[in-house]
C-alpha cells in the first residue's frame, strides 16, 4: 500500500485503492509517530471487515471527532447511493430482489421487515418499512403487510427482512409468516412473489428458491 493514498486516488481512481487506503484518506491526519495509513490499517484489522464501519459505534473507532464524522458521513452516503433504486426496476428474480434489499438490511442490528410493492410486470413501485423490531425479532401482523399494497393497488408484494445474527437460514416463524402472507395474498388478489431473508451482504435466502412459496 502507498503512503500517499490521496495522490493514488487522484491518479488512478478510487477503485485502485485498498480499503485501508480509502479509510486513511477519510482519517486525514495521523498522530505523532503514527500516520493516517497505519491507523487505518489497524482499524480495518480490528473491525475484521470494512463493512463493519457501518455498524460500529463512534467510540469504537478511536478517532477524533472530525475524522469520525467524515467516516460516518461517508458510510451513510454509500448506503444511500446503494438504496437509490428507481421505480420501475425489475424485481422478477430472487437475485434482483436481493440486490434491492440487501443494502437496506445487511448492516442493521435490529430486525426490520420490508414490503416491496410490484406492478403487473413485477417492476418496483415502492419500498415500505412494515416493522422495526429488536434484537430478538419483529412481531408481524399479516394484514398490515398488505395495507400499502391495497392502498396503492399493487399487483404483487415481495417481503424481505434481516437476521441481525448474520445467519439467513429461515426460522420456523419466518416460514409460518410466509405461508400466512401467501394465503392472505391469495384472498386479496395480491400475490406474494417471494420472501428474502438477509443475513449479511453476501448471505441471503429466497424462500421461493427453497420451494416454500
N, C-alpha and C. Protein backbone atom coordinates (compact mmCIF):
# COMPACT_ATOMS: atom_id res chain seq x y z
N UNK A 1 0.83 -1.20 0.00
CA UNK A 1 0.00 0.00 0.00
C UNK A 1 0.86 1.25 0.00
N UNK A 2 0.35 2.27 -0.65
CA UNK A 2 1.10 3.51 -0.78
C UNK A 2 0.94 4.38 0.46
N UNK A 3 2.01 5.10 0.79
CA UNK A 3 1.95 6.06 1.89
C UNK A 3 1.26 7.34 1.45
N UNK A 4 0.92 7.46 0.17
CA UNK A 4 0.27 8.65 -0.34
C UNK A 4 -1.02 8.24 -1.07
N UNK A 5 -2.02 7.74 -0.31
CA UNK A 5 -3.24 7.24 -0.95
C UNK A 5 -4.05 8.31 -1.67
N UNK A 6 -4.01 9.55 -1.18
CA UNK A 6 -4.79 10.58 -1.85
C UNK A 6 -4.28 10.84 -3.26
N UNK A 7 -2.97 10.86 -3.41
CA UNK A 7 -2.39 11.06 -4.74
C UNK A 7 -2.71 9.87 -5.65
N UNK A 8 -2.67 8.66 -5.09
CA UNK A 8 -3.02 7.48 -5.88
C UNK A 8 -4.47 7.53 -6.34
N UNK A 9 -5.35 7.99 -5.47
CA UNK A 9 -6.76 8.10 -5.84
C UNK A 9 -6.94 9.07 -7.00
N UNK A 10 -6.27 10.22 -6.93
CA UNK A 10 -6.41 11.22 -7.98
C UNK A 10 -5.81 10.73 -9.29
N UNK A 11 -4.75 9.94 -9.21
CA UNK A 11 -4.09 9.45 -10.42
C UNK A 11 -4.79 8.24 -11.03
N UNK A 12 -5.18 7.29 -10.17
CA UNK A 12 -5.71 6.03 -10.70
C UNK A 12 -7.15 5.74 -10.40
N UNK A 13 -7.83 6.63 -9.65
CA UNK A 13 -9.23 6.40 -9.33
C UNK A 13 -9.39 5.68 -8.00
N UNK A 14 -10.55 5.85 -7.39
CA UNK A 14 -10.80 5.28 -6.07
C UNK A 14 -10.77 3.76 -6.07
N UNK A 15 -11.18 3.15 -7.19
CA UNK A 15 -11.25 1.68 -7.24
C UNK A 15 -9.88 1.03 -7.13
N UNK A 16 -8.82 1.78 -7.37
CA UNK A 16 -7.48 1.21 -7.33
C UNK A 16 -6.93 1.13 -5.92
N UNK A 17 -7.61 1.70 -4.95
CA UNK A 17 -7.11 1.75 -3.57
C UNK A 17 -7.67 0.61 -2.72
N UNK A 18 -6.86 0.14 -1.79
CA UNK A 18 -7.31 -0.84 -0.81
C UNK A 18 -8.22 -0.17 0.21
N UNK A 19 -8.95 -1.00 0.98
CA UNK A 19 -9.86 -0.46 1.99
C UNK A 19 -9.14 0.48 2.96
N UNK A 20 -7.99 0.06 3.43
CA UNK A 20 -7.26 0.87 4.42
C UNK A 20 -6.81 2.19 3.82
N UNK A 21 -6.46 2.19 2.54
CA UNK A 21 -6.03 3.43 1.89
C UNK A 21 -7.19 4.41 1.78
N UNK A 22 -8.38 3.92 1.42
CA UNK A 22 -9.55 4.78 1.37
C UNK A 22 -9.88 5.34 2.75
N UNK A 23 -9.79 4.48 3.74
CA UNK A 23 -10.07 4.92 5.10
C UNK A 23 -9.04 5.94 5.57
N UNK A 24 -7.79 5.78 5.17
CA UNK A 24 -6.74 6.73 5.56
C UNK A 24 -7.04 8.13 5.02
N UNK A 25 -7.62 8.19 3.82
CA UNK A 25 -7.97 9.50 3.26
C UNK A 25 -9.02 10.18 4.12
N UNK A 26 -9.99 9.40 4.62
CA UNK A 26 -11.03 9.96 5.47
C UNK A 26 -10.48 10.36 6.84
N UNK A 27 -9.54 9.58 7.35
CA UNK A 27 -8.93 9.93 8.64
C UNK A 27 -8.17 11.24 8.53
N UNK A 28 -7.48 11.42 7.39
CA UNK A 28 -6.79 12.68 7.15
C UNK A 28 -5.43 12.71 7.80
N UNK A 29 -5.33 13.33 8.95
CA UNK A 29 -4.05 13.48 9.65
C UNK A 29 -3.88 12.40 10.70
N UNK A 30 -2.67 11.90 10.83
CA UNK A 30 -2.38 10.91 11.85
C UNK A 30 -2.01 11.55 13.16
N UNK A 31 -1.31 10.79 13.98
CA UNK A 31 -0.87 11.26 15.27
C UNK A 31 0.65 11.20 15.31
N UNK A 32 1.27 11.85 16.26
CA UNK A 32 2.74 11.77 16.35
C UNK A 32 3.20 10.32 16.43
N UNK A 33 4.05 9.93 15.50
CA UNK A 33 4.58 8.58 15.47
C UNK A 33 3.69 7.57 14.79
N UNK A 34 2.54 7.99 14.29
CA UNK A 34 1.63 7.05 13.63
C UNK A 34 0.84 7.81 12.58
N UNK A 35 1.10 7.50 11.31
CA UNK A 35 0.41 8.24 10.26
C UNK A 35 -0.99 7.69 10.04
N UNK A 36 -1.76 8.38 9.18
CA UNK A 36 -3.16 8.02 8.94
C UNK A 36 -3.30 6.62 8.37
N UNK A 37 -2.36 6.22 7.50
CA UNK A 37 -2.45 4.90 6.89
C UNK A 37 -2.26 3.80 7.94
N UNK A 38 -1.32 3.98 8.85
CA UNK A 38 -1.10 2.99 9.90
C UNK A 38 -2.33 2.88 10.79
N UNK A 39 -2.95 4.02 11.07
CA UNK A 39 -4.17 4.00 11.88
C UNK A 39 -5.29 3.27 11.15
N UNK A 40 -5.39 3.51 9.84
CA UNK A 40 -6.43 2.87 9.04
C UNK A 40 -6.23 1.36 8.97
N UNK A 41 -4.99 0.94 8.77
CA UNK A 41 -4.69 -0.49 8.71
C UNK A 41 -5.08 -1.16 10.03
N UNK A 42 -4.75 -0.52 11.14
CA UNK A 42 -5.08 -1.08 12.46
C UNK A 42 -6.58 -1.16 12.66
N UNK A 43 -7.30 -0.14 12.20
CA UNK A 43 -8.75 -0.11 12.39
C UNK A 43 -9.44 -1.18 11.54
N UNK A 44 -9.00 -1.34 10.30
CA UNK A 44 -9.56 -2.39 9.44
C UNK A 44 -9.30 -3.76 10.04
N UNK A 45 -8.10 -3.97 10.60
CA UNK A 45 -7.77 -5.25 11.22
C UNK A 45 -8.63 -5.50 12.45
N UNK A 46 -8.89 -4.45 13.22
CA UNK A 46 -9.70 -4.61 14.43
C UNK A 46 -11.15 -4.95 14.08
N UNK A 47 -11.68 -4.27 13.07
CA UNK A 47 -13.07 -4.50 12.68
C UNK A 47 -13.23 -5.79 11.89
N UNK A 48 -12.12 -6.29 11.32
CA UNK A 48 -12.08 -7.52 10.52
C UNK A 48 -12.72 -7.37 9.15
N UNK A 49 -13.65 -6.46 9.00
CA UNK A 49 -14.33 -6.27 7.73
C UNK A 49 -14.69 -4.79 7.64
N UNK A 50 -14.30 -4.13 6.57
CA UNK A 50 -14.54 -2.69 6.47
C UNK A 50 -16.03 -2.37 6.51
N UNK A 51 -16.89 -3.34 6.12
CA UNK A 51 -18.32 -3.09 6.18
C UNK A 51 -18.82 -2.90 7.60
N UNK A 52 -18.03 -3.37 8.57
CA UNK A 52 -18.41 -3.19 9.97
C UNK A 52 -18.36 -1.72 10.37
N UNK A 53 -17.74 -0.88 9.56
CA UNK A 53 -17.75 0.56 9.83
C UNK A 53 -19.17 1.09 9.90
N UNK A 54 -20.06 0.52 9.07
CA UNK A 54 -21.45 0.99 9.05
C UNK A 54 -22.17 0.68 10.34
N UNK A 55 -21.69 -0.34 11.07
CA UNK A 55 -22.33 -0.72 12.33
C UNK A 55 -21.59 -0.22 13.55
N UNK A 56 -20.35 0.16 13.38
CA UNK A 56 -19.50 0.46 14.54
C UNK A 56 -20.00 1.69 15.29
N UNK A 57 -19.94 1.59 16.61
CA UNK A 57 -20.22 2.74 17.45
C UNK A 57 -19.08 3.74 17.29
N UNK A 58 -19.43 5.03 17.29
CA UNK A 58 -18.42 6.06 17.06
C UNK A 58 -17.27 5.94 18.04
N UNK A 59 -17.54 5.57 19.29
CA UNK A 59 -16.49 5.49 20.29
C UNK A 59 -15.52 4.35 19.99
N UNK A 60 -15.98 3.34 19.24
CA UNK A 60 -15.12 2.20 18.94
C UNK A 60 -14.07 2.54 17.89
N UNK A 61 -14.32 3.58 17.11
CA UNK A 61 -13.36 3.93 16.06
C UNK A 61 -12.06 4.46 16.64
N UNK A 62 -12.13 5.05 17.82
CA UNK A 62 -10.91 5.53 18.47
C UNK A 62 -10.25 6.68 17.77
N UNK A 63 -11.04 7.49 17.06
CA UNK A 63 -10.50 8.62 16.32
C UNK A 63 -11.06 9.93 16.88
N UNK A 64 -10.51 11.02 16.41
CA UNK A 64 -11.02 12.32 16.81
C UNK A 64 -12.39 12.59 16.22
N UNK A 65 -13.09 13.61 16.72
CA UNK A 65 -14.45 13.88 16.25
C UNK A 65 -14.54 14.21 14.76
N UNK A 66 -13.55 14.92 14.22
CA UNK A 66 -13.62 15.30 12.81
C UNK A 66 -13.47 14.07 11.91
N UNK A 67 -12.48 13.21 12.20
CA UNK A 67 -12.28 12.00 11.40
C UNK A 67 -13.46 11.05 11.54
N UNK A 68 -13.98 10.92 12.76
CA UNK A 68 -15.14 10.06 12.98
C UNK A 68 -16.33 10.55 12.18
N UNK A 69 -16.57 11.85 12.19
CA UNK A 69 -17.69 12.41 11.44
C UNK A 69 -17.53 12.17 9.94
N UNK A 70 -16.31 12.31 9.42
CA UNK A 70 -16.09 12.07 7.99
C UNK A 70 -16.38 10.62 7.62
N UNK A 71 -15.93 9.68 8.47
CA UNK A 71 -16.14 8.26 8.18
C UNK A 71 -17.61 7.90 8.24
N UNK A 72 -18.31 8.37 9.28
CA UNK A 72 -19.74 8.05 9.39
C UNK A 72 -20.53 8.68 8.25
N UNK A 73 -20.15 9.88 7.84
CA UNK A 73 -20.83 10.52 6.72
C UNK A 73 -20.59 9.76 5.42
N UNK A 74 -19.36 9.29 5.21
CA UNK A 74 -19.06 8.52 4.01
C UNK A 74 -19.84 7.22 3.98
N UNK A 75 -19.94 6.55 5.13
CA UNK A 75 -20.73 5.30 5.21
C UNK A 75 -22.18 5.56 4.86
N UNK A 76 -22.73 6.65 5.38
CA UNK A 76 -24.13 6.95 5.12
C UNK A 76 -24.36 7.32 3.66
N UNK A 77 -23.44 8.07 3.07
CA UNK A 77 -23.56 8.40 1.64
C UNK A 77 -23.52 7.13 0.79
N UNK A 78 -22.60 6.22 1.14
CA UNK A 78 -22.53 4.96 0.41
C UNK A 78 -23.80 4.16 0.53
N UNK A 79 -24.36 4.13 1.75
CA UNK A 79 -25.61 3.40 1.96
C UNK A 79 -26.74 4.00 1.15
N UNK A 80 -26.83 5.34 1.15
CA UNK A 80 -27.90 5.99 0.39
C UNK A 80 -27.75 5.77 -1.10
N UNK A 81 -26.52 5.76 -1.58
CA UNK A 81 -26.30 5.50 -3.00
C UNK A 81 -26.76 4.09 -3.37
N UNK A 82 -26.49 3.13 -2.47
CA UNK A 82 -26.90 1.74 -2.72
C UNK A 82 -28.41 1.59 -2.69
N UNK A 83 -29.09 2.47 -1.97
CA UNK A 83 -30.55 2.38 -1.85
C UNK A 83 -31.29 3.04 -2.99
N UNK A 84 -30.55 3.67 -3.88
CA UNK A 84 -31.20 4.50 -4.90
C UNK A 84 -31.81 3.68 -6.02
N UNK A 85 -32.74 2.80 -5.64
CA UNK A 85 -33.47 2.02 -6.64
C UNK A 85 -34.56 2.90 -7.26
N UNK A 86 -34.67 2.83 -8.55
CA UNK A 86 -35.66 3.63 -9.25
C UNK A 86 -36.97 2.86 -9.39
N UNK A 87 -38.11 3.53 -9.19
CA UNK A 87 -39.38 2.88 -9.52
C UNK A 87 -39.34 2.38 -10.96
N UNK A 88 -39.85 1.20 -11.17
CA UNK A 88 -39.81 0.60 -12.50
C UNK A 88 -38.71 -0.42 -12.66
N UNK A 89 -37.81 -0.53 -11.65
CA UNK A 89 -36.74 -1.51 -11.73
C UNK A 89 -37.32 -2.92 -11.60
N UNK A 90 -36.83 -3.82 -12.43
CA UNK A 90 -37.34 -5.20 -12.43
C UNK A 90 -36.98 -5.92 -11.14
N UNK A 91 -37.98 -6.62 -10.57
CA UNK A 91 -37.77 -7.42 -9.37
C UNK A 91 -38.36 -8.80 -9.65
N UNK A 92 -37.93 -9.38 -10.76
CA UNK A 92 -38.56 -10.61 -11.24
C UNK A 92 -37.72 -11.87 -10.98
N UNK A 93 -36.62 -11.74 -10.26
CA UNK A 93 -35.82 -12.90 -9.85
C UNK A 93 -35.35 -12.69 -8.42
N UNK A 94 -35.05 -13.75 -7.69
CA UNK A 94 -34.53 -13.60 -6.33
C UNK A 94 -33.26 -12.75 -6.26
N UNK A 95 -32.37 -12.89 -7.23
CA UNK A 95 -31.13 -12.12 -7.18
C UNK A 95 -31.38 -10.63 -7.36
N UNK A 96 -32.35 -10.28 -8.21
CA UNK A 96 -32.67 -8.86 -8.38
C UNK A 96 -33.35 -8.31 -7.12
N UNK A 97 -34.17 -9.13 -6.50
CA UNK A 97 -34.78 -8.71 -5.24
C UNK A 97 -33.70 -8.50 -4.18
N UNK A 98 -32.76 -9.42 -4.10
CA UNK A 98 -31.69 -9.30 -3.11
C UNK A 98 -30.86 -8.05 -3.34
N UNK A 99 -30.62 -7.73 -4.60
CA UNK A 99 -29.82 -6.54 -4.92
C UNK A 99 -30.47 -5.28 -4.36
N UNK A 100 -31.79 -5.27 -4.29
CA UNK A 100 -32.50 -4.10 -3.76
C UNK A 100 -32.55 -4.09 -2.24
N UNK A 101 -32.74 -5.25 -1.63
CA UNK A 101 -32.99 -5.26 -0.19
C UNK A 101 -31.74 -5.43 0.66
N UNK A 102 -30.71 -6.09 0.13
CA UNK A 102 -29.50 -6.33 0.94
C UNK A 102 -28.89 -5.02 1.45
N UNK A 103 -28.70 -3.98 0.60
CA UNK A 103 -28.12 -2.74 1.13
C UNK A 103 -28.97 -2.08 2.20
N UNK A 104 -30.27 -2.33 2.18
CA UNK A 104 -31.16 -1.75 3.17
C UNK A 104 -31.15 -2.49 4.50
N UNK A 105 -30.74 -3.75 4.48
CA UNK A 105 -30.94 -4.59 5.65
C UNK A 105 -29.66 -5.17 6.26
N UNK A 106 -28.64 -5.42 5.45
CA UNK A 106 -27.50 -6.21 5.92
C UNK A 106 -26.74 -5.56 7.06
N UNK A 107 -26.76 -4.24 7.18
CA UNK A 107 -25.95 -3.56 8.20
C UNK A 107 -26.70 -3.33 9.50
N UNK A 108 -27.98 -3.69 9.58
CA UNK A 108 -28.81 -3.34 10.74
C UNK A 108 -28.59 -4.30 11.90
N UNK A 109 -28.69 -3.78 13.13
CA UNK A 109 -28.56 -4.63 14.32
C UNK A 109 -29.92 -4.89 14.95
N UNK A 110 -30.99 -4.49 14.29
CA UNK A 110 -32.36 -4.78 14.70
C UNK A 110 -33.10 -5.36 13.51
N UNK A 111 -34.06 -6.23 13.78
CA UNK A 111 -34.79 -6.84 12.68
C UNK A 111 -35.78 -5.85 12.09
N UNK A 112 -35.78 -5.76 10.77
CA UNK A 112 -36.67 -4.87 10.03
C UNK A 112 -37.35 -5.67 8.93
N UNK A 113 -38.65 -5.43 8.75
CA UNK A 113 -39.42 -6.10 7.71
C UNK A 113 -39.79 -5.08 6.64
N UNK A 114 -39.41 -5.37 5.40
CA UNK A 114 -39.72 -4.51 4.27
C UNK A 114 -40.79 -5.16 3.39
N UNK A 115 -41.61 -4.32 2.79
CA UNK A 115 -42.58 -4.77 1.79
C UNK A 115 -42.30 -4.01 0.50
N UNK A 116 -41.99 -4.74 -0.55
CA UNK A 116 -41.80 -4.14 -1.87
C UNK A 116 -43.09 -4.30 -2.67
N UNK A 117 -43.63 -3.19 -3.15
CA UNK A 117 -44.84 -3.23 -3.97
C UNK A 117 -44.44 -3.34 -5.43
N UNK A 118 -45.09 -4.26 -6.14
CA UNK A 118 -44.76 -4.54 -7.54
C UNK A 118 -45.97 -4.33 -8.43
N UNK A 119 -45.69 -3.94 -9.69
CA UNK A 119 -46.78 -3.83 -10.66
C UNK A 119 -46.97 -5.16 -11.38
N UNK A 120 -47.81 -5.18 -12.39
CA UNK A 120 -48.14 -6.44 -13.06
C UNK A 120 -46.95 -7.05 -13.81
N UNK A 121 -45.96 -6.24 -14.12
CA UNK A 121 -44.76 -6.75 -14.79
C UNK A 121 -43.64 -7.06 -13.79
N UNK A 122 -44.00 -7.11 -12.53
CA UNK A 122 -43.04 -7.33 -11.44
C UNK A 122 -41.92 -6.31 -11.45
N UNK A 123 -42.32 -5.08 -11.65
CA UNK A 123 -41.40 -3.95 -11.54
C UNK A 123 -41.73 -3.16 -10.28
N UNK A 124 -40.69 -2.58 -9.70
CA UNK A 124 -40.83 -1.93 -8.40
C UNK A 124 -41.71 -0.68 -8.47
N UNK A 125 -42.67 -0.62 -7.57
CA UNK A 125 -43.46 0.59 -7.38
C UNK A 125 -42.91 1.42 -6.22
N UNK A 126 -42.66 0.76 -5.09
CA UNK A 126 -42.13 1.45 -3.91
C UNK A 126 -41.71 0.42 -2.87
N UNK A 127 -40.95 0.90 -1.88
CA UNK A 127 -40.49 0.08 -0.77
C UNK A 127 -40.98 0.69 0.52
N UNK A 128 -41.54 -0.14 1.40
CA UNK A 128 -42.09 0.35 2.67
C UNK A 128 -41.54 -0.47 3.83
N UNK A 129 -41.28 0.20 4.94
CA UNK A 129 -40.89 -0.49 6.17
C UNK A 129 -42.16 -0.87 6.91
N UNK A 130 -42.40 -2.17 7.06
CA UNK A 130 -43.61 -2.64 7.73
C UNK A 130 -43.41 -2.72 9.24
N UNK A 131 -42.22 -3.16 9.67
CA UNK A 131 -41.95 -3.31 11.09
C UNK A 131 -40.48 -3.07 11.37
N UNK A 132 -40.24 -2.51 12.55
CA UNK A 132 -38.88 -2.43 13.08
C UNK A 132 -38.91 -3.08 14.45
N UNK A 133 -38.17 -4.15 14.60
CA UNK A 133 -38.19 -4.92 15.83
C UNK A 133 -37.01 -4.65 16.72
N UNK A 134 -36.63 -5.67 17.47
CA UNK A 134 -35.47 -5.58 18.36
C UNK A 134 -34.53 -6.73 18.02
N UNK A 135 -33.53 -6.92 18.85
CA UNK A 135 -32.55 -7.97 18.54
C UNK A 135 -33.18 -9.36 18.54
N UNK A 136 -34.32 -9.49 19.20
CA UNK A 136 -34.97 -10.80 19.27
C UNK A 136 -35.89 -11.05 18.09
N UNK A 137 -36.21 -10.00 17.32
CA UNK A 137 -37.07 -10.20 16.16
C UNK A 137 -38.10 -9.11 16.03
N UNK A 138 -39.05 -9.34 15.14
CA UNK A 138 -40.11 -8.38 14.89
C UNK A 138 -41.44 -9.12 14.86
N UNK A 139 -42.44 -8.54 15.52
CA UNK A 139 -43.77 -9.14 15.54
C UNK A 139 -44.55 -8.64 14.32
N UNK A 140 -44.97 -9.56 13.47
CA UNK A 140 -45.58 -9.18 12.20
C UNK A 140 -47.06 -9.52 12.19
N UNK A 141 -47.88 -8.54 11.84
CA UNK A 141 -49.30 -8.76 11.63
C UNK A 141 -49.53 -8.87 10.12
N UNK A 142 -50.02 -10.00 9.71
CA UNK A 142 -50.09 -10.30 8.28
C UNK A 142 -50.91 -9.26 7.52
N UNK A 143 -52.06 -8.86 8.05
CA UNK A 143 -52.92 -7.92 7.33
C UNK A 143 -52.20 -6.61 7.04
N UNK A 144 -51.34 -6.18 7.99
CA UNK A 144 -50.67 -4.89 7.81
C UNK A 144 -49.57 -4.95 6.76
N UNK A 145 -49.13 -6.16 6.42
CA UNK A 145 -48.15 -6.27 5.34
C UNK A 145 -48.75 -5.88 4.00
N UNK A 146 -50.06 -5.92 3.91
CA UNK A 146 -50.74 -5.64 2.64
C UNK A 146 -51.44 -4.28 2.63
N UNK A 147 -51.30 -3.50 3.70
CA UNK A 147 -52.01 -2.22 3.78
C UNK A 147 -51.67 -1.31 2.62
N UNK A 148 -50.37 -1.08 2.40
CA UNK A 148 -49.95 -0.20 1.31
C UNK A 148 -50.25 -0.81 -0.05
N UNK A 149 -50.15 -2.13 -0.15
CA UNK A 149 -50.42 -2.79 -1.42
C UNK A 149 -51.87 -2.58 -1.84
N UNK A 150 -52.77 -2.67 -0.88
CA UNK A 150 -54.19 -2.43 -1.17
C UNK A 150 -54.41 -0.96 -1.53
N UNK A 151 -53.81 -0.07 -0.75
CA UNK A 151 -54.00 1.37 -0.99
C UNK A 151 -53.45 1.79 -2.34
N UNK A 152 -52.31 1.21 -2.73
CA UNK A 152 -51.66 1.60 -3.99
C UNK A 152 -52.09 0.72 -5.17
N UNK A 153 -52.98 -0.24 -4.91
CA UNK A 153 -53.45 -1.14 -5.97
C UNK A 153 -52.29 -1.88 -6.62
N UNK A 154 -51.39 -2.40 -5.77
CA UNK A 154 -50.23 -3.15 -6.28
C UNK A 154 -50.68 -4.50 -6.81
N UNK A 155 -49.94 -5.02 -7.77
CA UNK A 155 -50.26 -6.31 -8.36
C UNK A 155 -49.58 -7.46 -7.62
N UNK A 156 -48.61 -7.15 -6.79
CA UNK A 156 -47.91 -8.18 -6.04
C UNK A 156 -47.05 -7.55 -4.97
N UNK A 157 -46.60 -8.36 -4.01
CA UNK A 157 -45.70 -7.88 -2.97
C UNK A 157 -44.55 -8.86 -2.81
N UNK A 158 -43.44 -8.33 -2.35
CA UNK A 158 -42.28 -9.14 -2.00
C UNK A 158 -41.86 -8.73 -0.60
N UNK A 159 -41.71 -9.70 0.27
CA UNK A 159 -41.29 -9.42 1.64
C UNK A 159 -39.79 -9.63 1.78
N UNK A 160 -39.19 -8.89 2.68
CA UNK A 160 -37.77 -9.06 3.00
C UNK A 160 -37.56 -8.66 4.44
N UNK A 161 -36.71 -9.40 5.13
CA UNK A 161 -36.31 -8.98 6.47
C UNK A 161 -34.91 -9.51 6.74
N UNK A 162 -34.30 -8.99 7.78
CA UNK A 162 -32.92 -9.34 8.11
C UNK A 162 -32.84 -10.16 9.37
N UNK A 163 -31.78 -10.93 9.47
CA UNK A 163 -31.40 -11.60 10.71
C UNK A 163 -30.13 -10.94 11.22
N UNK A 164 -30.21 -10.14 12.28
CA UNK A 164 -29.01 -9.46 12.77
C UNK A 164 -27.88 -10.40 13.15
N UNK A 165 -28.17 -11.66 13.38
CA UNK A 165 -27.13 -12.63 13.70
C UNK A 165 -26.18 -12.88 12.53
N UNK A 166 -26.64 -12.54 11.31
CA UNK A 166 -25.85 -12.80 10.12
C UNK A 166 -26.16 -14.12 9.45
N UNK A 167 -26.97 -14.96 10.10
CA UNK A 167 -27.36 -16.26 9.53
C UNK A 167 -28.72 -16.11 8.85
N UNK A 168 -28.79 -16.24 7.52
CA UNK A 168 -30.05 -16.01 6.82
C UNK A 168 -30.99 -17.22 6.79
N UNK A 169 -30.60 -18.30 7.44
CA UNK A 169 -31.44 -19.50 7.40
C UNK A 169 -32.83 -19.18 7.96
N UNK A 170 -33.89 -19.42 7.19
CA UNK A 170 -35.25 -19.08 7.66
C UNK A 170 -35.62 -19.86 8.92
N UNK A 171 -36.21 -19.16 9.87
CA UNK A 171 -36.67 -19.79 11.10
C UNK A 171 -38.06 -20.37 10.89
N UNK A 172 -38.54 -21.09 11.87
CA UNK A 172 -39.90 -21.59 11.80
C UNK A 172 -40.91 -20.46 11.70
N UNK A 173 -40.67 -19.36 12.45
CA UNK A 173 -41.56 -18.20 12.37
C UNK A 173 -41.53 -17.58 10.98
N UNK A 174 -40.35 -17.53 10.37
CA UNK A 174 -40.25 -16.99 9.01
C UNK A 174 -41.09 -17.80 8.04
N UNK A 175 -41.03 -19.10 8.16
CA UNK A 175 -41.78 -19.97 7.26
C UNK A 175 -43.28 -19.83 7.49
N UNK A 176 -43.68 -19.75 8.77
CA UNK A 176 -45.11 -19.57 9.07
C UNK A 176 -45.61 -18.22 8.56
N UNK A 177 -44.82 -17.18 8.76
CA UNK A 177 -45.21 -15.86 8.27
C UNK A 177 -45.37 -15.87 6.75
N UNK A 178 -44.45 -16.54 6.07
CA UNK A 178 -44.51 -16.62 4.61
C UNK A 178 -45.77 -17.33 4.17
N UNK A 179 -46.09 -18.43 4.80
CA UNK A 179 -47.29 -19.18 4.41
C UNK A 179 -48.57 -18.40 4.71
N UNK A 180 -48.59 -17.70 5.85
CA UNK A 180 -49.75 -16.88 6.18
C UNK A 180 -49.91 -15.72 5.20
N UNK A 181 -48.77 -15.10 4.83
CA UNK A 181 -48.82 -13.99 3.87
C UNK A 181 -49.24 -14.49 2.49
N UNK A 182 -48.79 -15.69 2.14
CA UNK A 182 -49.17 -16.27 0.86
C UNK A 182 -50.69 -16.49 0.80
N UNK A 183 -51.25 -17.01 1.89
CA UNK A 183 -52.70 -17.23 1.94
C UNK A 183 -53.46 -15.91 1.91
N UNK A 184 -52.98 -14.92 2.67
CA UNK A 184 -53.65 -13.61 2.69
C UNK A 184 -53.60 -12.96 1.32
N UNK A 185 -52.45 -13.08 0.65
CA UNK A 185 -52.32 -12.50 -0.69
C UNK A 185 -53.29 -13.12 -1.68
N UNK A 186 -53.52 -14.41 -1.55
CA UNK A 186 -54.46 -15.07 -2.45
C UNK A 186 -55.87 -14.54 -2.23
N UNK A 187 -56.24 -14.33 -0.97
CA UNK A 187 -57.56 -13.80 -0.66
C UNK A 187 -57.74 -12.38 -1.20
N UNK A 188 -56.68 -11.59 -1.12
CA UNK A 188 -56.74 -10.20 -1.56
C UNK A 188 -56.51 -10.03 -3.06
N UNK A 189 -56.05 -11.09 -3.71
CA UNK A 189 -55.71 -10.97 -5.12
C UNK A 189 -54.41 -10.22 -5.33
N UNK A 190 -53.56 -10.24 -4.32
CA UNK A 190 -52.24 -9.58 -4.39
C UNK A 190 -51.21 -10.63 -4.03
N UNK A 191 -50.68 -11.36 -4.98
CA UNK A 191 -49.81 -12.50 -4.65
C UNK A 191 -48.49 -12.09 -4.01
N UNK A 192 -48.04 -12.95 -3.10
CA UNK A 192 -46.70 -12.83 -2.53
C UNK A 192 -45.75 -13.53 -3.50
N UNK A 193 -44.80 -12.77 -4.07
CA UNK A 193 -43.93 -13.36 -5.09
C UNK A 193 -42.65 -13.95 -4.50
N UNK A 194 -42.24 -13.50 -3.31
CA UNK A 194 -41.05 -14.06 -2.68
C UNK A 194 -40.92 -13.48 -1.28
N UNK A 195 -40.08 -14.10 -0.49
CA UNK A 195 -39.70 -13.60 0.83
C UNK A 195 -38.21 -13.83 0.94
N UNK A 196 -37.45 -12.75 1.03
CA UNK A 196 -35.99 -12.81 1.08
C UNK A 196 -35.52 -12.53 2.51
N UNK A 197 -34.71 -13.44 3.03
CA UNK A 197 -34.13 -13.27 4.37
C UNK A 197 -32.66 -12.92 4.21
N UNK A 198 -32.25 -11.80 4.77
CA UNK A 198 -30.89 -11.27 4.61
C UNK A 198 -30.09 -11.51 5.88
N UNK A 199 -28.92 -12.11 5.73
CA UNK A 199 -28.01 -12.27 6.86
C UNK A 199 -26.89 -11.25 6.80
N UNK A 200 -26.09 -11.32 5.74
CA UNK A 200 -25.00 -10.37 5.51
C UNK A 200 -25.08 -9.89 4.07
N UNK A 201 -24.11 -9.08 3.68
CA UNK A 201 -24.11 -8.57 2.31
C UNK A 201 -23.99 -9.69 1.29
N UNK A 202 -23.38 -10.81 1.67
CA UNK A 202 -23.20 -11.94 0.75
C UNK A 202 -24.15 -13.09 1.00
N UNK A 203 -24.80 -13.10 2.15
CA UNK A 203 -25.60 -14.26 2.53
C UNK A 203 -27.07 -13.89 2.66
N UNK A 204 -27.87 -14.45 1.81
CA UNK A 204 -29.31 -14.25 1.85
C UNK A 204 -30.00 -15.49 1.31
N UNK A 205 -31.26 -15.63 1.66
CA UNK A 205 -32.03 -16.81 1.26
C UNK A 205 -33.36 -16.35 0.67
N UNK A 206 -33.72 -16.92 -0.47
CA UNK A 206 -35.03 -16.72 -1.07
C UNK A 206 -35.91 -17.91 -0.73
N UNK A 207 -37.05 -17.66 -0.09
CA UNK A 207 -37.94 -18.76 0.24
C UNK A 207 -38.61 -19.32 -1.01
N UNK A 208 -38.67 -18.51 -2.05
CA UNK A 208 -39.17 -19.04 -3.33
C UNK A 208 -38.22 -20.09 -3.88
N UNK A 209 -36.92 -19.79 -3.83
CA UNK A 209 -35.93 -20.77 -4.30
C UNK A 209 -35.94 -22.02 -3.45
N UNK A 210 -36.32 -21.89 -2.19
CA UNK A 210 -36.40 -23.04 -1.30
C UNK A 210 -37.66 -23.89 -1.54
N UNK A 211 -38.54 -23.40 -2.43
CA UNK A 211 -39.77 -24.12 -2.69
C UNK A 211 -40.83 -23.94 -1.64
N UNK A 212 -40.75 -22.84 -0.87
CA UNK A 212 -41.69 -22.61 0.22
C UNK A 212 -42.80 -21.64 -0.16
N UNK A 213 -42.86 -21.24 -1.42
CA UNK A 213 -43.96 -20.42 -1.93
C UNK A 213 -44.71 -21.20 -2.99
